Amino acid sequence: MELACRKCNLIISQGNTCPVCNVSNLTSKWSGYIAVLNVEKSDIAKRMEIKINGAYAISING
């Protein structure tokens, strides 16, 4: 089961701690995702304040 970090929205497939935020505040209640391949060139990454490449949930529902 993939979980999303409630703080930065990173989708995590292993473990119970977000590798970006180092928090364990994760949820399985998320919807939609974007894959950021190049944070320096991505306008969406800038708007979402994403600093590291990866898959991010668009919406956290719980």
N, C-alpha and C. Protein backbone atom coordinates (compact mmCIF):
# COMPACT_ATOMS: atom_id res chain seq x y z
N MET A 1 0.84 -1.18 0.00
CA MET A 1 0.00 0.00 0.00
C MET A 1 0.89 1.25 0.00
N GLU A 2 0.56 2.16 -0.85
CA GLU A 2 1.32 3.41 -0.90
C GLU A 2 0.69 4.43 0.03
N LEU A 3 1.53 5.13 0.75
CA LEU A 3 1.09 6.17 1.67
C LEU A 3 1.60 7.52 1.20
N ALA A 4 0.93 8.57 1.60
CA ALA A 4 1.37 9.92 1.25
C ALA A 4 1.68 10.69 2.53
N CYS A 5 2.72 11.48 2.47
CA CYS A 5 3.10 12.33 3.59
C CYS A 5 2.11 13.50 3.67
N ARG A 6 1.57 13.74 4.84
CA ARG A 6 0.61 14.84 5.01
C ARG A 6 1.29 16.21 4.97
N LYS A 7 2.59 16.24 5.15
CA LYS A 7 3.30 17.52 5.16
C LYS A 7 3.75 17.94 3.75
N CYS A 8 4.37 17.02 2.99
CA CYS A 8 4.91 17.40 1.68
C CYS A 8 4.23 16.69 0.51
N ASN A 9 3.32 15.74 0.78
CA ASN A 9 2.55 14.99 -0.22
C ASN A 9 3.36 13.93 -0.97
N LEU A 10 4.60 13.67 -0.60
CA LEU A 10 5.39 12.62 -1.25
C LEU A 10 4.71 11.28 -1.07
N ILE A 11 4.63 10.48 -2.13
CA ILE A 11 4.07 9.14 -2.05
C ILE A 11 5.18 8.17 -1.69
N ILE A 12 4.94 7.38 -0.66
CA ILE A 12 5.94 6.48 -0.10
C ILE A 12 5.45 5.04 -0.24
N SER A 13 6.25 4.18 -0.83
CA SER A 13 5.85 2.79 -1.02
C SER A 13 6.46 1.85 0.02
N GLN A 14 7.48 2.31 0.74
CA GLN A 14 8.11 1.48 1.76
C GLN A 14 8.40 2.31 2.99
N GLY A 15 8.23 1.70 4.15
CA GLY A 15 8.57 2.36 5.40
C GLY A 15 7.42 3.17 5.97
N ASN A 16 7.66 3.74 7.14
CA ASN A 16 6.65 4.51 7.86
C ASN A 16 7.07 5.95 8.12
N THR A 17 8.15 6.37 7.47
CA THR A 17 8.66 7.73 7.66
C THR A 17 8.95 8.35 6.30
N CYS A 18 8.58 9.61 6.15
CA CYS A 18 8.84 10.33 4.91
C CYS A 18 10.34 10.62 4.81
N PRO A 19 10.99 10.23 3.73
CA PRO A 19 12.43 10.49 3.58
C PRO A 19 12.75 11.97 3.34
N VAL A 20 11.75 12.76 2.95
CA VAL A 20 11.97 14.19 2.70
C VAL A 20 11.81 14.99 3.99
N CYS A 21 10.71 14.74 4.71
CA CYS A 21 10.37 15.53 5.91
C CYS A 21 10.84 14.89 7.21
N ASN A 22 11.13 13.59 7.16
CA ASN A 22 11.48 12.81 8.35
C ASN A 22 10.37 12.82 9.38
N VAL A 23 9.12 12.77 8.92
CA VAL A 23 7.97 12.67 9.81
C VAL A 23 7.25 11.37 9.52
N SER A 24 6.47 10.89 10.48
CA SER A 24 5.71 9.66 10.30
C SER A 24 4.22 9.94 10.16
N ASN A 25 3.86 11.15 9.80
CA ASN A 25 2.48 11.56 9.63
C ASN A 25 2.03 11.23 8.20
N LEU A 26 1.75 9.93 7.96
CA LEU A 26 1.42 9.44 6.63
C LEU A 26 -0.05 9.01 6.58
N THR A 27 -0.62 9.00 5.39
CA THR A 27 -2.01 8.58 5.22
C THR A 27 -2.18 7.76 3.95
N SER A 28 -3.15 6.87 3.98
CA SER A 28 -3.51 6.10 2.79
C SER A 28 -4.65 6.77 2.04
N LYS A 29 -5.16 7.86 2.58
CA LYS A 29 -6.30 8.57 1.99
C LYS A 29 -5.82 9.75 1.17
N TRP A 30 -5.41 9.44 -0.05
CA TRP A 30 -4.95 10.47 -0.98
C TRP A 30 -5.50 10.14 -2.35
N SER A 31 -5.52 11.13 -3.23
CA SER A 31 -6.00 10.88 -4.59
C SER A 31 -5.19 11.66 -5.60
N GLY A 32 -5.03 11.07 -6.76
CA GLY A 32 -4.28 11.68 -7.85
C GLY A 32 -2.82 11.83 -7.50
N TYR A 33 -1.99 11.82 -8.53
CA TYR A 33 -0.57 12.05 -8.27
C TYR A 33 0.09 12.66 -9.48
N ILE A 34 1.21 13.30 -9.22
CA ILE A 34 2.05 13.81 -10.29
C ILE A 34 3.44 13.24 -10.09
N ALA A 35 4.14 13.05 -11.18
CA ALA A 35 5.52 12.61 -11.11
C ALA A 35 6.40 13.78 -11.53
N VAL A 36 7.26 14.19 -10.63
CA VAL A 36 8.18 15.29 -10.91
C VAL A 36 9.54 14.69 -11.25
N LEU A 37 9.98 14.95 -12.48
CA LEU A 37 11.24 14.40 -12.94
C LEU A 37 12.38 15.40 -12.89
N ASN A 38 12.04 16.69 -12.94
CA ASN A 38 13.06 17.74 -12.91
C ASN A 38 12.48 18.95 -12.18
N VAL A 39 12.76 19.04 -10.88
CA VAL A 39 12.16 20.11 -10.08
C VAL A 39 12.59 21.50 -10.53
N GLU A 40 13.74 21.60 -11.15
CA GLU A 40 14.23 22.91 -11.58
C GLU A 40 13.46 23.47 -12.77
N LYS A 41 12.90 22.59 -13.61
CA LYS A 41 12.19 23.03 -14.80
C LYS A 41 10.67 22.91 -14.69
N SER A 42 10.16 22.32 -13.61
CA SER A 42 8.74 22.06 -13.48
C SER A 42 8.00 23.23 -12.82
N ASP A 43 7.04 23.79 -13.55
CA ASP A 43 6.22 24.86 -12.98
C ASP A 43 5.31 24.32 -11.87
N ILE A 44 4.83 23.10 -12.03
CA ILE A 44 3.98 22.50 -11.00
C ILE A 44 4.78 22.28 -9.72
N ALA A 45 6.02 21.83 -9.85
CA ALA A 45 6.86 21.63 -8.67
C ALA A 45 7.07 22.95 -7.94
N LYS A 46 7.24 24.03 -8.68
CA LYS A 46 7.42 25.34 -8.05
C LYS A 46 6.16 25.76 -7.31
N ARG A 47 4.99 25.53 -7.92
CA ARG A 47 3.72 25.91 -7.29
C ARG A 47 3.44 25.08 -6.04
N MET A 48 3.82 23.80 -6.08
CA MET A 48 3.61 22.92 -4.93
C MET A 48 4.77 22.97 -3.94
N GLU A 49 5.79 23.77 -4.24
CA GLU A 49 6.98 23.93 -3.41
C GLU A 49 7.71 22.60 -3.21
N ILE A 50 7.81 21.82 -4.29
CA ILE A 50 8.49 20.53 -4.28
C ILE A 50 9.97 20.77 -4.56
N LYS A 51 10.82 20.19 -3.74
CA LYS A 51 12.26 20.39 -3.86
C LYS A 51 13.02 19.16 -4.34
N ILE A 52 12.35 17.97 -4.31
CA ILE A 52 13.01 16.72 -4.65
C ILE A 52 12.16 15.96 -5.67
N ASN A 53 12.79 15.40 -6.70
CA ASN A 53 12.07 14.61 -7.70
C ASN A 53 11.36 13.43 -7.04
N GLY A 54 10.19 13.07 -7.58
CA GLY A 54 9.46 11.93 -7.06
C GLY A 54 7.99 12.00 -7.42
N ALA A 55 7.20 11.09 -6.86
CA ALA A 55 5.75 11.05 -7.08
C ALA A 55 5.08 11.72 -5.87
N TYR A 56 4.13 12.61 -6.15
CA TYR A 56 3.47 13.38 -5.11
C TYR A 56 1.95 13.29 -5.27
N ALA A 57 1.26 13.15 -4.15
CA ALA A 57 -0.20 13.15 -4.16
C ALA A 57 -0.71 14.55 -4.45
N ILE A 58 -1.76 14.63 -5.25
CA ILE A 58 -2.36 15.92 -5.56
C ILE A 58 -3.26 16.37 -4.40
N SER A 59 -3.98 15.40 -3.81
CA SER A 59 -4.92 15.75 -2.75
C SER A 59 -4.80 14.76 -1.59
N ILE A 60 -4.70 15.27 -0.39
CA ILE A 60 -4.73 14.45 0.83
C ILE A 60 -6.14 14.56 1.38
N ASN A 61 -6.79 13.41 1.57
CA ASN A 61 -8.20 13.40 1.96
C ASN A 61 -8.44 13.11 3.43
N GLY A 62 -7.42 12.86 4.18
CA GLY A 62 -7.69 12.52 5.57
C GLY A 62 -6.56 12.75 6.49
